[in-house]
Amino acid sequence: MTSTLKIRRTALAVAAAAVLPFALAACSSDSGGAYGSGSPASAADVPAAGADGATTADQPFGPACAGVPKEGAGSFDGMAKAPVATAASNNPALSTLVAAVKKAGLVDTLNNAKDITVFAPTNDAFAKIPKADLDKVLADKAMLTKILTYHVVGQSLTPQQLENGSFETLQKGMVTTAGSGQAYKVNGTSNVVCGNVRTANANVYIVDTVLMPK
């Protein structure tokens, strides 16, 4: 019996020694928050992933997800209960997009649509456009509507569908997507920074560059 206990203790010690370096490495790694906050993400901030590193079907993913409020109307749970335009209005990082949607008169169109996908540019994405050009677009309702509806696909897209996809938008143009795991691009230039965000009627992929109709 004594020898058996010694063997078991030795096995436990070896297992602990093998696991400890990985645990320490995981604790010491820094996960930058959204918009360059640099704060470490908690376990709740990290989306679940499968053995191959792919995000599980219903989890939001991406570096900007860390900037989403943990509770309230602007949280993931809060946004899931509201139609997409209303949900976006509760996210401070999408305030320019929301203002543009209101100017184009698309709030009801988006809120009443069923099972759509919205590629939602952040405020920083709009800031990449020269102010004079942006002001011109915002003042031209027809052009603004064309650009905004180009960001909307008439079906709910999963991350897996974005791996190598081509989809018709409400504007009737096509967007292409590519990537895997937690890294996706739209039209080869716009990065998904927080994807698979559910609202009551849409799946939202927040992107870092405004898409222009082809």
N, C-alpha and C. Protein backbone atom coordinates (compact mmCIF):
# COMPACT_ATOMS: atom_id res chain seq x y z
N MET A 1 0.84 -1.22 0.00
CA MET A 1 0.00 0.00 0.00
C MET A 1 0.87 1.25 0.00
N THR A 2 1.93 1.25 0.84
CA THR A 2 2.80 2.43 0.92
C THR A 2 3.45 2.72 -0.42
N SER A 3 3.91 1.68 -1.11
CA SER A 3 4.55 1.90 -2.42
C SER A 3 3.55 2.43 -3.43
N THR A 4 2.31 1.97 -3.32
CA THR A 4 1.27 2.46 -4.25
C THR A 4 1.03 3.95 -4.04
N LEU A 5 0.96 4.38 -2.75
CA LEU A 5 0.76 5.79 -2.46
C LEU A 5 1.92 6.62 -2.98
N LYS A 6 3.14 6.11 -2.82
CA LYS A 6 4.31 6.85 -3.32
C LYS A 6 4.25 7.03 -4.83
N ILE A 7 3.83 5.98 -5.51
CA ILE A 7 3.74 6.07 -6.99
C ILE A 7 2.70 7.11 -7.38
N ARG A 8 1.57 7.09 -6.66
CA ARG A 8 0.50 8.06 -6.98
C ARG A 8 0.96 9.48 -6.72
N ARG A 9 1.65 9.67 -5.60
CA ARG A 9 2.15 11.02 -5.29
C ARG A 9 3.16 11.49 -6.32
N THR A 10 4.01 10.59 -6.72
CA THR A 10 5.01 10.94 -7.75
C THR A 10 4.33 11.32 -9.05
N ALA A 11 3.30 10.55 -9.44
CA ALA A 11 2.57 10.84 -10.69
C ALA A 11 1.90 12.20 -10.62
N LEU A 12 1.30 12.53 -9.44
CA LEU A 12 0.65 13.83 -9.29
C LEU A 12 1.66 14.96 -9.37
N ALA A 13 2.82 14.76 -8.77
CA ALA A 13 3.85 15.80 -8.80
C ALA A 13 4.33 16.06 -10.22
N VAL A 14 4.50 14.98 -10.98
CA VAL A 14 4.94 15.13 -12.38
C VAL A 14 3.88 15.85 -13.19
N ALA A 15 2.62 15.47 -12.97
CA ALA A 15 1.53 16.12 -13.72
C ALA A 15 1.46 17.60 -13.39
N ALA A 16 1.62 17.95 -12.10
CA ALA A 16 1.57 19.35 -11.69
C ALA A 16 2.72 20.13 -12.31
N ALA A 17 3.89 19.54 -12.35
CA ALA A 17 5.06 20.21 -12.93
C ALA A 17 4.87 20.44 -14.42
N ALA A 18 4.17 19.52 -15.07
CA ALA A 18 3.95 19.66 -16.51
C ALA A 18 2.93 20.74 -16.81
N VAL A 19 1.89 20.83 -15.95
CA VAL A 19 0.80 21.78 -16.21
C VAL A 19 1.16 23.20 -15.79
N LEU A 20 1.95 23.37 -14.73
CA LEU A 20 2.22 24.68 -14.16
C LEU A 20 2.77 25.69 -15.15
N PRO A 21 3.77 25.35 -15.99
CA PRO A 21 4.29 26.36 -16.93
C PRO A 21 3.22 26.88 -17.88
N PHE A 22 2.30 26.00 -18.31
CA PHE A 22 1.24 26.45 -19.22
C PHE A 22 0.27 27.37 -18.51
N ALA A 23 -0.03 27.06 -17.25
CA ALA A 23 -0.94 27.90 -16.48
C ALA A 23 -0.34 29.28 -16.26
N LEU A 24 0.97 29.31 -15.93
CA LEU A 24 1.63 30.59 -15.72
C LEU A 24 1.70 31.40 -17.01
N ALA A 25 1.95 30.72 -18.10
CA ALA A 25 2.01 31.42 -19.40
C ALA A 25 0.68 32.02 -19.73
N ALA A 26 -0.40 31.26 -19.44
CA ALA A 26 -1.74 31.76 -19.75
C ALA A 26 -2.05 32.97 -18.89
N CYS A 27 -1.63 32.95 -17.62
CA CYS A 27 -1.92 34.07 -16.72
C CYS A 27 -1.12 35.30 -17.08
N SER A 28 0.10 35.10 -17.59
CA SER A 28 0.96 36.25 -17.87
C SER A 28 0.72 36.86 -19.23
N SER A 29 0.01 36.14 -20.14
CA SER A 29 -0.23 36.69 -21.47
C SER A 29 -1.19 37.84 -21.38
N ASP A 30 -0.96 38.89 -22.17
CA ASP A 30 -1.77 40.10 -22.14
C ASP A 30 -2.71 40.10 -23.32
N SER A 31 -3.99 40.21 -23.08
CA SER A 31 -4.97 40.28 -24.17
C SER A 31 -5.46 41.70 -24.27
N GLY A 32 -5.05 42.41 -25.32
CA GLY A 32 -5.41 43.81 -25.45
C GLY A 32 -6.90 43.99 -25.63
N GLY A 33 -7.47 44.99 -24.97
CA GLY A 33 -8.90 45.25 -25.10
C GLY A 33 -9.21 45.95 -26.40
N ALA A 34 -10.48 46.25 -26.56
CA ALA A 34 -10.91 46.91 -27.79
C ALA A 34 -10.37 48.33 -27.85
N TYR A 35 -10.16 48.81 -29.08
CA TYR A 35 -9.76 50.19 -29.32
C TYR A 35 -8.49 50.56 -28.57
N GLY A 36 -7.60 49.56 -28.39
CA GLY A 36 -6.29 49.83 -27.82
C GLY A 36 -6.28 50.09 -26.34
N SER A 37 -7.28 49.59 -25.59
CA SER A 37 -7.30 49.85 -24.16
C SER A 37 -6.15 49.14 -23.45
N GLY A 38 -5.72 47.97 -23.99
CA GLY A 38 -4.59 47.27 -23.43
C GLY A 38 -4.88 46.54 -22.14
N SER A 39 -6.13 46.58 -21.64
CA SER A 39 -6.43 45.90 -20.40
C SER A 39 -6.63 44.42 -20.64
N PRO A 40 -6.17 43.59 -19.70
CA PRO A 40 -6.32 42.15 -19.89
C PRO A 40 -7.78 41.76 -19.91
N ALA A 41 -8.12 40.81 -20.75
CA ALA A 41 -9.49 40.33 -20.80
C ALA A 41 -9.70 39.30 -19.72
N SER A 42 -10.88 39.29 -19.13
CA SER A 42 -11.22 38.26 -18.17
C SER A 42 -11.63 37.01 -18.91
N ALA A 43 -11.85 35.94 -18.17
CA ALA A 43 -12.26 34.68 -18.81
C ALA A 43 -13.57 34.87 -19.55
N ALA A 44 -14.45 35.76 -19.03
CA ALA A 44 -15.73 35.98 -19.69
C ALA A 44 -15.57 36.71 -21.01
N ASP A 45 -14.45 37.42 -21.17
CA ASP A 45 -14.23 38.18 -22.40
C ASP A 45 -13.76 37.30 -23.54
N VAL A 46 -13.22 36.14 -23.24
CA VAL A 46 -12.61 35.30 -24.25
C VAL A 46 -13.63 34.34 -24.82
N PRO A 47 -13.92 34.41 -26.14
CA PRO A 47 -14.92 33.52 -26.71
C PRO A 47 -14.47 32.07 -26.66
N ALA A 48 -15.45 31.20 -26.52
CA ALA A 48 -15.13 29.77 -26.49
C ALA A 48 -14.62 29.34 -27.84
N ALA A 49 -13.66 28.43 -27.84
CA ALA A 49 -13.09 27.94 -29.09
C ALA A 49 -12.99 26.43 -29.05
N GLY A 50 -13.07 25.86 -30.22
CA GLY A 50 -12.94 24.41 -30.32
C GLY A 50 -11.48 24.02 -30.30
N ALA A 51 -11.23 22.73 -30.46
CA ALA A 51 -9.87 22.21 -30.39
C ALA A 51 -9.00 22.76 -31.52
N ASP A 52 -9.63 23.15 -32.64
CA ASP A 52 -8.86 23.67 -33.76
C ASP A 52 -8.74 25.18 -33.73
N GLY A 53 -9.20 25.82 -32.63
CA GLY A 53 -9.09 27.26 -32.49
C GLY A 53 -10.25 28.01 -33.11
N ALA A 54 -11.22 27.31 -33.70
CA ALA A 54 -12.36 27.97 -34.33
C ALA A 54 -13.34 28.41 -33.24
N THR A 55 -13.94 29.58 -33.44
CA THR A 55 -14.92 30.07 -32.49
C THR A 55 -16.17 29.22 -32.55
N THR A 56 -16.76 28.95 -31.40
CA THR A 56 -17.98 28.18 -31.39
C THR A 56 -19.12 29.01 -31.97
N ALA A 57 -20.14 28.34 -32.45
CA ALA A 57 -21.15 28.93 -33.33
C ALA A 57 -21.81 30.20 -32.79
N ASP A 58 -22.14 30.25 -31.49
CA ASP A 58 -22.95 31.34 -30.99
C ASP A 58 -22.18 32.38 -30.18
N GLN A 59 -20.85 32.33 -30.22
CA GLN A 59 -20.05 33.26 -29.42
C GLN A 59 -19.55 34.43 -30.26
N PRO A 60 -19.69 35.68 -29.75
CA PRO A 60 -19.02 36.80 -30.41
C PRO A 60 -17.51 36.61 -30.31
N PHE A 61 -16.77 37.17 -31.27
CA PHE A 61 -15.32 37.02 -31.26
C PHE A 61 -14.68 38.27 -31.84
N GLY A 62 -13.41 38.47 -31.51
CA GLY A 62 -12.64 39.59 -32.06
C GLY A 62 -12.17 40.54 -30.98
N PRO A 63 -11.09 41.28 -31.24
CA PRO A 63 -10.49 42.15 -30.23
C PRO A 63 -11.40 43.26 -29.74
N ALA A 64 -12.26 43.78 -30.62
CA ALA A 64 -13.12 44.89 -30.20
C ALA A 64 -14.27 44.45 -29.31
N CYS A 65 -14.51 43.14 -29.21
CA CYS A 65 -15.59 42.66 -28.36
C CYS A 65 -15.34 43.02 -26.89
N ALA A 66 -14.07 43.18 -26.52
CA ALA A 66 -13.73 43.53 -25.14
C ALA A 66 -14.27 44.90 -24.76
N GLY A 67 -14.55 45.76 -25.75
CA GLY A 67 -15.05 47.09 -25.48
C GLY A 67 -16.56 47.16 -25.34
N VAL A 68 -17.24 46.05 -25.57
CA VAL A 68 -18.70 46.03 -25.45
C VAL A 68 -19.06 46.01 -23.96
N PRO A 69 -20.04 46.85 -23.54
CA PRO A 69 -20.42 46.86 -22.12
C PRO A 69 -20.81 45.46 -21.62
N LYS A 70 -20.51 45.19 -20.37
CA LYS A 70 -20.79 43.87 -19.80
C LYS A 70 -22.27 43.70 -19.46
N GLU A 71 -22.98 44.80 -19.28
CA GLU A 71 -24.40 44.71 -18.94
C GLU A 71 -25.14 45.90 -19.51
N GLY A 72 -26.47 45.84 -19.49
CA GLY A 72 -27.27 46.94 -20.01
C GLY A 72 -27.64 46.74 -21.47
N ALA A 73 -28.29 47.75 -22.05
CA ALA A 73 -28.80 47.66 -23.41
C ALA A 73 -27.71 47.48 -24.44
N GLY A 74 -26.49 47.98 -24.13
CA GLY A 74 -25.39 47.89 -25.09
C GLY A 74 -24.56 46.63 -24.96
N SER A 75 -24.89 45.76 -24.00
CA SER A 75 -24.17 44.50 -23.82
C SER A 75 -24.61 43.50 -24.88
N PHE A 76 -23.90 42.39 -24.98
CA PHE A 76 -24.30 41.35 -25.94
C PHE A 76 -25.71 40.85 -25.64
N ASP A 77 -26.02 40.65 -24.37
CA ASP A 77 -27.36 40.18 -24.01
C ASP A 77 -28.42 41.23 -24.34
N GLY A 78 -28.09 42.49 -24.07
CA GLY A 78 -29.03 43.57 -24.36
C GLY A 78 -29.28 43.74 -25.84
N MET A 79 -28.21 43.67 -26.63
CA MET A 79 -28.35 43.82 -28.08
C MET A 79 -29.16 42.67 -28.68
N ALA A 80 -29.05 41.49 -28.09
CA ALA A 80 -29.76 40.33 -28.62
C ALA A 80 -31.27 40.47 -28.49
N LYS A 81 -31.71 41.36 -27.62
CA LYS A 81 -33.15 41.54 -27.39
C LYS A 81 -33.75 42.64 -28.25
N ALA A 82 -32.93 43.41 -28.97
CA ALA A 82 -33.41 44.55 -29.74
C ALA A 82 -33.17 44.36 -31.22
N PRO A 83 -34.01 44.94 -32.09
CA PRO A 83 -33.73 44.89 -33.52
C PRO A 83 -32.46 45.65 -33.83
N VAL A 84 -31.87 45.39 -35.00
CA VAL A 84 -30.48 45.75 -35.24
C VAL A 84 -30.20 47.25 -35.15
N ALA A 85 -31.04 48.10 -35.72
CA ALA A 85 -30.75 49.54 -35.67
C ALA A 85 -30.83 50.06 -34.24
N THR A 86 -31.79 49.56 -33.48
CA THR A 86 -31.91 49.94 -32.08
C THR A 86 -30.74 49.42 -31.27
N ALA A 87 -30.35 48.17 -31.53
CA ALA A 87 -29.21 47.58 -30.83
C ALA A 87 -27.94 48.38 -31.09
N ALA A 88 -27.73 48.76 -32.35
CA ALA A 88 -26.53 49.53 -32.71
C ALA A 88 -26.51 50.88 -32.00
N SER A 89 -27.68 51.47 -31.81
CA SER A 89 -27.75 52.79 -31.16
C SER A 89 -27.32 52.73 -29.70
N ASN A 90 -27.29 51.52 -29.13
CA ASN A 90 -26.84 51.35 -27.75
C ASN A 90 -25.35 51.06 -27.63
N ASN A 91 -24.66 51.02 -28.77
CA ASN A 91 -23.22 50.76 -28.78
C ASN A 91 -22.49 52.05 -29.15
N PRO A 92 -21.78 52.67 -28.21
CA PRO A 92 -21.12 53.97 -28.47
C PRO A 92 -20.16 53.93 -29.65
N ALA A 93 -19.57 52.78 -29.93
CA ALA A 93 -18.59 52.67 -31.02
C ALA A 93 -19.25 52.73 -32.40
N LEU A 94 -20.58 52.69 -32.44
CA LEU A 94 -21.31 52.69 -33.72
C LEU A 94 -22.16 53.95 -33.89
N SER A 95 -21.85 55.00 -33.15
CA SER A 95 -22.70 56.20 -33.17
C SER A 95 -22.72 56.88 -34.53
N THR A 96 -21.60 56.89 -35.25
CA THR A 96 -21.57 57.52 -36.59
C THR A 96 -22.45 56.72 -37.55
N LEU A 97 -22.36 55.40 -37.48
CA LEU A 97 -23.20 54.55 -38.32
C LEU A 97 -24.67 54.80 -38.02
N VAL A 98 -25.02 54.86 -36.76
CA VAL A 98 -26.42 55.07 -36.37
C VAL A 98 -26.92 56.42 -36.89
N ALA A 99 -26.08 57.46 -36.78
CA ALA A 99 -26.47 58.78 -37.30
C ALA A 99 -26.70 58.72 -38.81
N ALA A 100 -25.85 57.98 -39.52
CA ALA A 100 -26.00 57.84 -40.97
C ALA A 100 -27.27 57.08 -41.32
N VAL A 101 -27.56 56.04 -40.57
CA VAL A 101 -28.79 55.25 -40.81
C VAL A 101 -30.02 56.13 -40.61
N LYS A 102 -29.99 56.97 -39.61
CA LYS A 102 -31.12 57.88 -39.37
C LYS A 102 -31.25 58.90 -40.50
N LYS A 103 -30.13 59.45 -40.97
CA LYS A 103 -30.16 60.41 -42.07
C LYS A 103 -30.73 59.80 -43.33
N ALA A 104 -30.44 58.53 -43.55
CA ALA A 104 -30.91 57.84 -44.75
C ALA A 104 -32.34 57.33 -44.60
N GLY A 105 -32.89 57.44 -43.41
CA GLY A 105 -34.25 56.97 -43.18
C GLY A 105 -34.38 55.45 -43.22
N LEU A 106 -33.33 54.75 -42.76
CA LEU A 106 -33.30 53.29 -42.86
C LEU A 106 -33.57 52.57 -41.53
N VAL A 107 -33.90 53.32 -40.48
CA VAL A 107 -34.09 52.69 -39.17
C VAL A 107 -35.18 51.62 -39.22
N ASP A 108 -36.35 52.00 -39.74
CA ASP A 108 -37.46 51.05 -39.80
C ASP A 108 -37.16 49.89 -40.75
N THR A 109 -36.50 50.21 -41.87
CA THR A 109 -36.15 49.16 -42.84
C THR A 109 -35.29 48.09 -42.19
N LEU A 110 -34.28 48.51 -41.45
CA LEU A 110 -33.38 47.55 -40.81
C LEU A 110 -34.05 46.85 -39.63
N ASN A 111 -34.80 47.60 -38.84
CA ASN A 111 -35.43 47.00 -37.67
C ASN A 111 -36.52 45.99 -38.03
N ASN A 112 -37.15 46.18 -39.18
CA ASN A 112 -38.24 45.29 -39.58
C ASN A 112 -37.79 44.14 -40.47
N ALA A 113 -36.54 44.15 -40.90
CA ALA A 113 -36.03 43.07 -41.75
C ALA A 113 -35.90 41.79 -40.93
N LYS A 114 -35.92 40.65 -41.61
CA LYS A 114 -35.83 39.36 -40.94
C LYS A 114 -34.53 38.64 -41.30
N ASP A 115 -33.85 38.14 -40.30
CA ASP A 115 -32.67 37.28 -40.50
C ASP A 115 -31.66 37.87 -41.50
N ILE A 116 -31.15 39.04 -41.19
CA ILE A 116 -30.17 39.69 -42.05
C ILE A 116 -28.80 39.68 -41.40
N THR A 117 -27.80 40.06 -42.19
CA THR A 117 -26.44 40.26 -41.67
C THR A 117 -26.04 41.70 -41.95
N VAL A 118 -25.47 42.35 -40.95
CA VAL A 118 -25.02 43.74 -41.11
C VAL A 118 -23.53 43.80 -40.82
N PHE A 119 -22.78 44.33 -41.77
CA PHE A 119 -21.37 44.64 -41.56
C PHE A 119 -21.34 46.09 -41.09
N ALA A 120 -21.08 46.27 -39.81
CA ALA A 120 -21.25 47.58 -39.17
C ALA A 120 -19.92 48.28 -38.95
N PRO A 121 -19.65 49.37 -39.70
CA PRO A 121 -18.39 50.09 -39.51
C PRO A 121 -18.36 50.86 -38.19
N THR A 122 -17.23 50.83 -37.54
CA THR A 122 -17.05 51.58 -36.29
C THR A 122 -16.90 53.07 -36.59
N ASN A 123 -16.92 53.87 -35.54
CA ASN A 123 -16.66 55.30 -35.69
C ASN A 123 -15.28 55.53 -36.31
N ASP A 124 -14.30 54.71 -35.90
CA ASP A 124 -12.95 54.84 -36.44
C ASP A 124 -12.92 54.52 -37.94
N ALA A 125 -13.78 53.61 -38.36
CA ALA A 125 -13.86 53.29 -39.79
C ALA A 125 -14.32 54.50 -40.59
N PHE A 126 -15.34 55.18 -40.09
CA PHE A 126 -15.81 56.39 -40.77
C PHE A 126 -14.77 57.51 -40.71
N ALA A 127 -13.98 57.52 -39.62
CA ALA A 127 -12.95 58.55 -39.47
C ALA A 127 -11.84 58.42 -40.51
N LYS A 128 -11.71 57.23 -41.13
CA LYS A 128 -10.72 57.05 -42.19
C LYS A 128 -11.08 57.82 -43.46
N ILE A 129 -12.36 58.15 -43.60
CA ILE A 129 -12.82 58.88 -44.79
C ILE A 129 -12.55 60.37 -44.56
N PRO A 130 -11.92 61.06 -45.51
CA PRO A 130 -11.69 62.50 -45.35
C PRO A 130 -13.00 63.21 -45.01
N LYS A 131 -12.94 64.15 -44.08
CA LYS A 131 -14.15 64.80 -43.56
C LYS A 131 -15.00 65.41 -44.68
N ALA A 132 -14.35 66.05 -45.63
CA ALA A 132 -15.11 66.68 -46.72
C ALA A 132 -15.89 65.64 -47.51
N ASP A 133 -15.27 64.50 -47.75
CA ASP A 133 -15.95 63.43 -48.48
C ASP A 133 -17.09 62.85 -47.66
N LEU A 134 -16.85 62.64 -46.37
CA LEU A 134 -17.88 62.08 -45.52
C LEU A 134 -19.07 63.02 -45.41
N ASP A 135 -18.79 64.31 -45.24
CA ASP A 135 -19.88 65.29 -45.17
C ASP A 135 -20.70 65.30 -46.45
N LYS A 136 -20.03 65.14 -47.58
CA LYS A 136 -20.72 65.11 -48.87
C LYS A 136 -21.64 63.91 -48.97
N VAL A 137 -21.16 62.76 -48.51
CA VAL A 137 -21.98 61.54 -48.55
C VAL A 137 -23.17 61.67 -47.60
N LEU A 138 -22.94 62.18 -46.41
CA LEU A 138 -24.01 62.32 -45.43
C LEU A 138 -25.10 63.29 -45.90
N ALA A 139 -24.72 64.20 -46.76
CA ALA A 139 -25.68 65.17 -47.27
C ALA A 139 -26.42 64.66 -48.51
N ASP A 140 -25.99 63.57 -49.06
CA ASP A 140 -26.59 63.00 -50.27
C ASP A 140 -27.33 61.72 -49.89
N LYS A 141 -28.65 61.82 -49.68
CA LYS A 141 -29.41 60.69 -49.16
C LYS A 141 -29.35 59.48 -50.08
N ALA A 142 -29.40 59.70 -51.38
CA ALA A 142 -29.36 58.59 -52.34
C ALA A 142 -28.02 57.84 -52.25
N MET A 143 -26.93 58.59 -52.22
CA MET A 143 -25.60 57.98 -52.11
C MET A 143 -25.43 57.29 -50.76
N LEU A 144 -25.89 57.95 -49.71
CA LEU A 144 -25.78 57.40 -48.36
C LEU A 144 -26.55 56.08 -48.26
N THR A 145 -27.74 56.06 -48.83
CA THR A 145 -28.56 54.84 -48.81
C THR A 145 -27.87 53.72 -49.57
N LYS A 146 -27.27 54.06 -50.70
CA LYS A 146 -26.56 53.07 -51.51
C LYS A 146 -25.40 52.45 -50.71
N ILE A 147 -24.64 53.28 -50.03
CA ILE A 147 -23.50 52.79 -49.25
C ILE A 147 -23.96 51.95 -48.07
N LEU A 148 -24.95 52.43 -47.35
CA LEU A 148 -25.40 51.72 -46.15
C LEU A 148 -26.04 50.38 -46.49
N THR A 149 -26.86 50.33 -47.53
CA THR A 149 -27.50 49.06 -47.89
C THR A 149 -26.49 48.07 -48.48
N TYR A 150 -25.34 48.58 -48.91
CA TYR A 150 -24.27 47.69 -49.36
C TYR A 150 -23.67 46.92 -48.19
N HIS A 151 -23.89 47.39 -46.98
CA HIS A 151 -23.37 46.73 -45.79
C HIS A 151 -24.34 45.68 -45.24
N VAL A 152 -25.44 45.43 -45.93
CA VAL A 152 -26.48 44.54 -45.41
C VAL A 152 -26.71 43.38 -46.38
N VAL A 153 -26.66 42.18 -45.87
CA VAL A 153 -26.94 40.96 -46.66
C VAL A 153 -28.26 40.38 -46.18
N GLY A 154 -29.07 39.94 -47.09
CA GLY A 154 -30.42 39.48 -46.76
C GLY A 154 -30.52 38.08 -46.21
N GLN A 155 -29.51 37.62 -45.51
CA GLN A 155 -29.54 36.33 -44.82
C GLN A 155 -28.61 36.41 -43.62
N SER A 156 -28.87 35.58 -42.63
CA SER A 156 -28.04 35.56 -41.43
C SER A 156 -26.83 34.66 -41.68
N LEU A 157 -25.65 35.24 -41.67
CA LEU A 157 -24.42 34.52 -42.00
C LEU A 157 -23.67 34.09 -40.75
N THR A 158 -23.25 32.83 -40.74
CA THR A 158 -22.42 32.31 -39.66
C THR A 158 -20.95 32.60 -39.98
N PRO A 159 -20.07 32.56 -38.98
CA PRO A 159 -18.65 32.73 -39.27
C PRO A 159 -18.13 31.73 -40.30
N GLN A 160 -18.63 30.51 -40.25
CA GLN A 160 -18.17 29.49 -41.20
C GLN A 160 -18.50 29.89 -42.64
N GLN A 161 -19.63 30.55 -42.83
CA GLN A 161 -20.01 31.00 -44.18
C GLN A 161 -19.10 32.11 -44.69
N LEU A 162 -18.41 32.80 -43.77
CA LEU A 162 -17.52 33.90 -44.17
C LEU A 162 -16.15 33.40 -44.61
N GLU A 163 -15.87 32.12 -44.42
CA GLU A 163 -14.53 31.62 -44.70
C GLU A 163 -14.11 31.82 -46.16
N ASN A 164 -15.05 31.67 -47.05
CA ASN A 164 -14.78 31.91 -48.48
C ASN A 164 -16.12 32.16 -49.15
N GLY A 165 -16.64 33.39 -48.93
CA GLY A 165 -18.01 33.66 -49.36
C GLY A 165 -18.15 34.83 -50.31
N SER A 166 -19.29 34.83 -50.99
CA SER A 166 -19.68 35.93 -51.87
C SER A 166 -21.19 36.09 -51.73
N PHE A 167 -21.63 37.28 -51.34
CA PHE A 167 -23.03 37.47 -50.98
C PHE A 167 -23.60 38.74 -51.60
N GLU A 168 -24.84 38.63 -52.05
CA GLU A 168 -25.52 39.81 -52.60
C GLU A 168 -26.04 40.66 -51.45
N THR A 169 -25.88 41.97 -51.57
CA THR A 169 -26.33 42.89 -50.54
C THR A 169 -27.69 43.48 -50.91
N LEU A 170 -28.28 44.21 -49.99
CA LEU A 170 -29.56 44.88 -50.27
C LEU A 170 -29.40 45.94 -51.34
N GLN A 171 -28.19 46.42 -51.52
CA GLN A 171 -27.90 47.41 -52.56
C GLN A 171 -27.78 46.74 -53.93
N LYS A 172 -27.78 45.39 -53.93
CA LYS A 172 -27.68 44.54 -55.13
C LYS A 172 -26.24 44.31 -55.60
N GLY A 173 -25.26 44.94 -54.92
CA GLY A 173 -23.87 44.63 -55.21
C GLY A 173 -23.45 43.39 -54.45
N MET A 174 -22.21 42.96 -54.64
CA MET A 174 -21.70 41.76 -53.99
C MET A 174 -20.58 42.12 -53.01
N VAL A 175 -20.58 41.44 -51.87
CA VAL A 175 -19.45 41.53 -50.95
C VAL A 175 -18.79 40.16 -50.89
N THR A 176 -17.48 40.16 -50.73
CA THR A 176 -16.75 38.90 -50.58
C THR A 176 -16.14 38.84 -49.20
N THR A 177 -16.03 37.64 -48.69
CA THR A 177 -15.47 37.44 -47.36
C THR A 177 -14.46 36.30 -47.39
N ALA A 178 -13.48 36.38 -46.51
CA ALA A 178 -12.47 35.32 -46.42
C ALA A 178 -11.87 35.31 -45.03
N GLY A 179 -11.40 34.14 -44.60
CA GLY A 179 -10.76 34.03 -43.30
C GLY A 179 -11.08 32.72 -42.63
N SER A 180 -10.75 32.65 -41.35
CA SER A 180 -11.04 31.45 -40.57
C SER A 180 -10.85 31.76 -39.10
N GLY A 181 -11.34 30.87 -38.24
CA GLY A 181 -11.17 31.05 -36.81
C GLY A 181 -11.78 32.34 -36.32
N GLN A 182 -10.93 33.30 -35.93
CA GLN A 182 -11.40 34.59 -35.45
C GLN A 182 -10.87 35.74 -36.30
N ALA A 183 -10.39 35.45 -37.51
CA ALA A 183 -9.83 36.49 -38.39
C ALA A 183 -10.52 36.44 -39.75
N TYR A 184 -11.28 37.48 -40.04
CA TYR A 184 -11.99 37.55 -41.31
C TYR A 184 -11.84 38.94 -41.94
N LYS A 185 -11.85 38.97 -43.26
CA LYS A 185 -11.83 40.22 -44.00
C LYS A 185 -13.05 40.28 -44.92
N VAL A 186 -13.53 41.49 -45.14
CA VAL A 186 -14.62 41.72 -46.08
C VAL A 186 -14.06 42.55 -47.22
N ASN A 187 -14.28 42.07 -48.44
CA ASN A 187 -13.74 42.73 -49.64
C ASN A 187 -12.22 42.89 -49.59
N GLY A 188 -11.57 42.03 -48.84
CA GLY A 188 -10.11 42.00 -48.83
C GLY A 188 -9.44 43.10 -48.05
N THR A 189 -10.20 44.06 -47.53
CA THR A 189 -9.58 45.21 -46.86
C THR A 189 -10.14 45.51 -45.48
N SER A 190 -11.41 45.20 -45.27
CA SER A 190 -12.06 45.56 -44.01
C SER A 190 -12.04 44.38 -43.05
N ASN A 191 -11.43 44.58 -41.89
CA ASN A 191 -11.30 43.50 -40.91
C ASN A 191 -12.51 43.44 -39.99
N VAL A 192 -12.95 42.23 -39.70
CA VAL A 192 -13.98 42.04 -38.69
C VAL A 192 -13.31 42.15 -37.33
N VAL A 193 -13.71 43.16 -36.54
CA VAL A 193 -13.07 43.38 -35.24
C VAL A 193 -13.92 42.86 -34.08
N CYS A 194 -15.19 42.63 -34.32
CA CYS A 194 -16.05 41.98 -33.34
C CYS A 194 -17.19 41.34 -34.13
N GLY A 195 -17.14 40.03 -34.25
CA GLY A 195 -18.09 39.35 -35.12
C GLY A 195 -19.05 38.45 -34.39
N ASN A 196 -20.10 38.05 -35.12
CA ASN A 196 -21.09 37.11 -34.60
C ASN A 196 -21.86 37.71 -33.43
N VAL A 197 -22.17 39.00 -33.54
CA VAL A 197 -22.94 39.70 -32.50
C VAL A 197 -24.42 39.59 -32.87
N ARG A 198 -25.19 38.98 -32.02
CA ARG A 198 -26.59 38.73 -32.31
C ARG A 198 -27.48 39.89 -31.88
N THR A 199 -28.44 40.23 -32.74
CA THR A 199 -29.53 41.11 -32.33
C THR A 199 -30.82 40.34 -32.58
N ALA A 200 -31.95 40.96 -32.28
CA ALA A 200 -33.22 40.24 -32.40
C ALA A 200 -33.50 39.79 -33.83
N ASN A 201 -32.96 40.50 -34.82
CA ASN A 201 -33.28 40.15 -36.22
C ASN A 201 -32.06 40.09 -37.13
N ALA A 202 -30.86 40.14 -36.56
CA ALA A 202 -29.67 40.19 -37.42
C ALA A 202 -28.46 39.59 -36.73
N ASN A 203 -27.49 39.22 -37.56
CA ASN A 203 -26.16 38.86 -37.08
C ASN A 203 -25.24 39.99 -37.52
N VAL A 204 -24.50 40.57 -36.60
CA VAL A 204 -23.69 41.76 -36.87
C VAL A 204 -22.21 41.41 -36.82
N TYR A 205 -21.49 41.91 -37.82
CA TYR A 205 -20.03 41.81 -37.84
C TYR A 205 -19.50 43.24 -37.88
N ILE A 206 -18.90 43.67 -36.78
CA ILE A 206 -18.38 45.04 -36.70
C ILE A 206 -17.04 45.08 -37.43
N VAL A 207 -16.89 46.05 -38.35
CA VAL A 207 -15.71 46.11 -39.21
C VAL A 207 -14.97 47.43 -39.05
N ASP A 208 -13.69 47.43 -39.46
CA ASP A 208 -12.84 48.61 -39.21
C ASP A 208 -12.69 49.52 -40.43
N THR A 209 -13.39 49.22 -41.52
CA THR A 209 -13.32 50.03 -42.72
C THR A 209 -14.69 50.07 -43.39
N VAL A 210 -15.10 51.26 -43.83
CA VAL A 210 -16.39 51.39 -44.53
C VAL A 210 -16.28 50.71 -45.90
N LEU A 211 -17.28 49.91 -46.24
CA LEU A 211 -17.31 49.23 -47.53
C LEU A 211 -17.92 50.13 -48.59
N MET A 212 -17.30 50.17 -49.74
CA MET A 212 -17.82 50.99 -50.82
C MET A 212 -18.37 50.08 -51.94
N PRO A 213 -19.59 50.37 -52.41
CA PRO A 213 -20.19 49.54 -53.46
C PRO A 213 -19.30 49.43 -54.67
N LYS A 214 -19.22 48.21 -55.23
CA LYS A 214 -18.41 48.00 -56.42
C LYS A 214 -19.23 48.24 -57.67
